[in-house]
Amino acid sequence: MTAKMIGKNILSNIKKVQKEYQTDIFGFGEEMYRQDYQNFKKVQDHWDELFSYAIVKVHVKVQLRRSGIRTKSLLSN
């Protein structure tokens, strides 16, 4: 449930930035530049415009550590 909630929040923030500001504040263009330089060169001049129409998928992996209480709770004192 935590992963779904975090993913939903991240995706809603990305969509809000795409719709309202139409600019890539997250650095997806820089990542595309590093991973796929040839295709990024084709869209480099109008990347912010294209980013506002991009379909973004978010995958979240959550790992909870030390979730159990091993000592006395502060609330019990």
N, C-alpha and C. Protein backbone atom coordinates (compact mmCIF):
# COMPACT_ATOMS: atom_id res chain seq x y z
N MET A 1 0.82 -1.20 0.00
CA MET A 1 0.00 0.00 0.00
C MET A 1 0.87 1.26 0.00
N THR A 2 1.97 1.19 0.72
CA THR A 2 2.86 2.35 0.79
C THR A 2 3.44 2.66 -0.59
N ALA A 3 3.85 1.64 -1.31
CA ALA A 3 4.41 1.85 -2.65
C ALA A 3 3.38 2.46 -3.59
N LYS A 4 2.14 1.99 -3.50
CA LYS A 4 1.08 2.54 -4.36
C LYS A 4 0.83 4.01 -4.04
N MET A 5 0.80 4.35 -2.74
CA MET A 5 0.55 5.72 -2.34
C MET A 5 1.69 6.64 -2.79
N ILE A 6 2.91 6.21 -2.60
CA ILE A 6 4.06 7.02 -3.01
C ILE A 6 4.05 7.18 -4.53
N GLY A 7 3.80 6.10 -5.26
CA GLY A 7 3.75 6.17 -6.71
C GLY A 7 2.66 7.10 -7.21
N LYS A 8 1.52 7.05 -6.56
CA LYS A 8 0.40 7.93 -6.94
C LYS A 8 0.77 9.39 -6.70
N ASN A 9 1.43 9.69 -5.58
CA ASN A 9 1.83 11.06 -5.29
C ASN A 9 2.87 11.57 -6.28
N ILE A 10 3.84 10.74 -6.59
CA ILE A 10 4.88 11.14 -7.55
C ILE A 10 4.27 11.39 -8.92
N LEU A 11 3.41 10.49 -9.36
CA LEU A 11 2.78 10.64 -10.67
C LEU A 11 1.90 11.87 -10.74
N SER A 12 1.17 12.17 -9.68
CA SER A 12 0.32 13.37 -9.69
C SER A 12 1.17 14.63 -9.74
N ASN A 13 2.32 14.63 -9.07
CA ASN A 13 3.21 15.79 -9.13
C ASN A 13 3.79 15.98 -10.53
N ILE A 14 4.17 14.88 -11.15
CA ILE A 14 4.72 14.97 -12.51
C ILE A 14 3.66 15.49 -13.48
N LYS A 15 2.44 14.97 -13.38
CA LYS A 15 1.37 15.43 -14.27
C LYS A 15 1.03 16.90 -14.04
N LYS A 16 1.08 17.34 -12.79
CA LYS A 16 0.80 18.74 -12.49
C LYS A 16 1.85 19.65 -13.13
N VAL A 17 3.11 19.28 -13.02
CA VAL A 17 4.18 20.07 -13.62
C VAL A 17 4.05 20.06 -15.14
N GLN A 18 3.71 18.90 -15.72
CA GLN A 18 3.55 18.82 -17.17
C GLN A 18 2.43 19.74 -17.64
N LYS A 19 1.33 19.76 -16.90
CA LYS A 19 0.15 20.52 -17.33
C LYS A 19 0.30 22.02 -17.07
N GLU A 20 0.73 22.38 -15.87
CA GLU A 20 0.76 23.79 -15.49
C GLU A 20 2.01 24.53 -15.97
N TYR A 21 3.18 23.90 -15.85
CA TYR A 21 4.42 24.62 -16.12
C TYR A 21 5.05 24.24 -17.46
N GLN A 22 4.72 23.09 -17.98
CA GLN A 22 5.22 22.59 -19.26
C GLN A 22 6.74 22.71 -19.37
N THR A 23 7.40 22.28 -18.31
CA THR A 23 8.86 22.28 -18.31
C THR A 23 9.35 21.08 -17.51
N ASP A 24 10.52 20.61 -17.84
CA ASP A 24 11.09 19.42 -17.23
C ASP A 24 11.96 19.80 -16.04
N ILE A 25 11.36 19.93 -14.87
CA ILE A 25 12.11 20.29 -13.67
C ILE A 25 12.74 19.07 -13.02
N PHE A 26 12.38 17.88 -13.47
CA PHE A 26 12.86 16.66 -12.86
C PHE A 26 14.15 16.13 -13.49
N GLY A 27 14.51 16.60 -14.65
CA GLY A 27 15.73 16.17 -15.30
C GLY A 27 15.57 14.93 -16.16
N PHE A 28 14.36 14.65 -16.64
CA PHE A 28 14.16 13.51 -17.53
C PHE A 28 14.92 13.69 -18.83
N GLY A 29 15.02 14.92 -19.29
CA GLY A 29 15.76 15.19 -20.52
C GLY A 29 17.24 14.88 -20.37
N GLU A 30 17.79 15.20 -19.23
CA GLU A 30 19.20 14.89 -18.98
C GLU A 30 19.43 13.38 -18.95
N GLU A 31 18.49 12.66 -18.37
CA GLU A 31 18.60 11.20 -18.34
C GLU A 31 18.46 10.62 -19.74
N MET A 32 17.56 11.18 -20.53
CA MET A 32 17.41 10.72 -21.90
C MET A 32 18.68 11.03 -22.69
N TYR A 33 19.29 12.17 -22.43
CA TYR A 33 20.55 12.55 -23.08
C TYR A 33 21.63 11.51 -22.79
N ARG A 34 21.70 11.04 -21.55
CA ARG A 34 22.71 10.06 -21.18
C ARG A 34 22.42 8.67 -21.75
N GLN A 35 21.15 8.27 -21.76
CA GLN A 35 20.80 6.92 -22.16
C GLN A 35 20.57 6.75 -23.65
N ASP A 36 20.06 7.78 -24.31
CA ASP A 36 19.71 7.66 -25.73
C ASP A 36 20.03 8.96 -26.45
N TYR A 37 21.32 9.23 -26.60
CA TYR A 37 21.79 10.51 -27.14
C TYR A 37 21.27 10.77 -28.56
N GLN A 38 21.24 9.75 -29.40
CA GLN A 38 20.85 9.94 -30.80
C GLN A 38 19.41 10.44 -30.91
N ASN A 39 18.50 9.85 -30.15
CA ASN A 39 17.10 10.29 -30.20
C ASN A 39 16.90 11.62 -29.47
N PHE A 40 17.69 11.87 -28.44
CA PHE A 40 17.55 13.15 -27.75
C PHE A 40 17.96 14.31 -28.64
N LYS A 41 18.96 14.11 -29.48
CA LYS A 41 19.38 15.17 -30.39
C LYS A 41 18.24 15.61 -31.30
N LYS A 42 17.34 14.68 -31.64
CA LYS A 42 16.21 15.00 -32.53
C LYS A 42 15.19 15.90 -31.85
N VAL A 43 15.05 15.78 -30.53
CA VAL A 43 14.01 16.53 -29.81
C VAL A 43 14.59 17.59 -28.87
N GLN A 44 15.88 17.76 -28.91
CA GLN A 44 16.56 18.65 -27.97
C GLN A 44 16.02 20.08 -27.99
N ASP A 45 15.76 20.62 -29.16
CA ASP A 45 15.34 22.02 -29.28
C ASP A 45 13.95 22.28 -28.75
N HIS A 46 13.09 21.30 -28.73
CA HIS A 46 11.72 21.49 -28.24
C HIS A 46 11.35 20.43 -27.20
N TRP A 47 12.32 20.08 -26.34
CA TRP A 47 12.10 19.04 -25.34
C TRP A 47 11.03 19.43 -24.32
N ASP A 48 11.05 20.66 -23.83
CA ASP A 48 10.07 21.06 -22.82
C ASP A 48 8.64 20.94 -23.35
N GLU A 49 8.43 21.29 -24.60
CA GLU A 49 7.10 21.16 -25.20
C GLU A 49 6.70 19.69 -25.30
N LEU A 50 7.62 18.84 -25.72
CA LEU A 50 7.32 17.42 -25.83
C LEU A 50 7.15 16.76 -24.47
N PHE A 51 7.88 17.24 -23.48
CA PHE A 51 7.76 16.68 -22.13
C PHE A 51 6.35 16.85 -21.59
N SER A 52 5.69 17.94 -21.95
CA SER A 52 4.35 18.16 -21.43
C SER A 52 3.35 17.13 -21.97
N TYR A 53 3.70 16.44 -23.06
CA TYR A 53 2.83 15.40 -23.62
C TYR A 53 3.33 13.98 -23.34
N ALA A 54 4.45 13.87 -22.67
CA ALA A 54 5.06 12.56 -22.43
C ALA A 54 4.22 11.71 -21.48
N ILE A 55 4.22 10.42 -21.73
CA ILE A 55 3.57 9.47 -20.83
C ILE A 55 4.64 8.94 -19.90
N VAL A 56 4.44 9.15 -18.61
CA VAL A 56 5.44 8.78 -17.61
C VAL A 56 4.88 7.63 -16.77
N LYS A 57 5.68 6.61 -16.60
CA LYS A 57 5.32 5.48 -15.74
C LYS A 57 6.23 5.50 -14.53
N VAL A 58 5.65 5.25 -13.37
CA VAL A 58 6.40 5.28 -12.12
C VAL A 58 6.34 3.89 -11.48
N HIS A 59 7.51 3.37 -11.14
CA HIS A 59 7.60 2.09 -10.44
C HIS A 59 8.28 2.36 -9.10
N VAL A 60 7.61 1.98 -8.02
CA VAL A 60 8.14 2.25 -6.69
C VAL A 60 8.35 0.92 -5.96
N LYS A 61 9.51 0.81 -5.34
CA LYS A 61 9.80 -0.36 -4.52
C LYS A 61 10.11 0.15 -3.12
N VAL A 62 9.33 -0.30 -2.15
CA VAL A 62 9.47 0.16 -0.78
C VAL A 62 9.97 -1.00 0.07
N GLN A 63 10.92 -0.70 0.91
CA GLN A 63 11.44 -1.70 1.83
C GLN A 63 11.44 -1.08 3.22
N LEU A 64 10.57 -1.59 4.09
CA LEU A 64 10.50 -1.07 5.45
C LEU A 64 11.51 -1.81 6.31
N ARG A 65 12.27 -1.06 7.04
CA ARG A 65 13.25 -1.66 7.93
C ARG A 65 12.96 -1.24 9.36
N ARG A 66 13.17 -2.15 10.24
CA ARG A 66 13.00 -1.90 11.67
C ARG A 66 11.63 -1.35 11.99
N SER A 67 10.61 -1.97 11.44
CA SER A 67 9.25 -1.48 11.66
C SER A 67 8.69 -1.92 13.00
N GLY A 68 9.28 -2.93 13.62
CA GLY A 68 8.81 -3.40 14.92
C GLY A 68 9.39 -2.58 16.06
N ILE A 69 8.61 -2.44 17.11
CA ILE A 69 9.08 -1.70 18.28
C ILE A 69 9.79 -2.71 19.19
N ARG A 70 11.04 -2.45 19.48
CA ARG A 70 11.83 -3.37 20.31
C ARG A 70 12.08 -2.81 21.71
N THR A 71 11.75 -1.58 21.89
CA THR A 71 11.94 -0.97 23.22
C THR A 71 10.61 -0.44 23.70
N LYS A 72 10.59 0.09 24.88
CA LYS A 72 9.36 0.67 25.43
C LYS A 72 8.95 1.90 24.62
N SER A 73 7.70 2.01 24.38
CA SER A 73 7.18 3.15 23.65
C SER A 73 7.19 4.39 24.54
N LEU A 74 7.42 5.54 23.94
CA LEU A 74 7.37 6.79 24.68
C LEU A 74 5.95 7.09 25.17
N LEU A 75 4.96 6.57 24.45
CA LEU A 75 3.57 6.81 24.82
C LEU A 75 3.18 6.08 26.10
N SER A 76 3.85 4.98 26.39
CA SER A 76 3.49 4.23 27.59
C SER A 76 4.01 4.87 28.86
N ASN A 77 4.99 5.75 28.75
CA ASN A 77 5.55 6.42 29.95
C ASN A 77 4.70 7.56 30.39
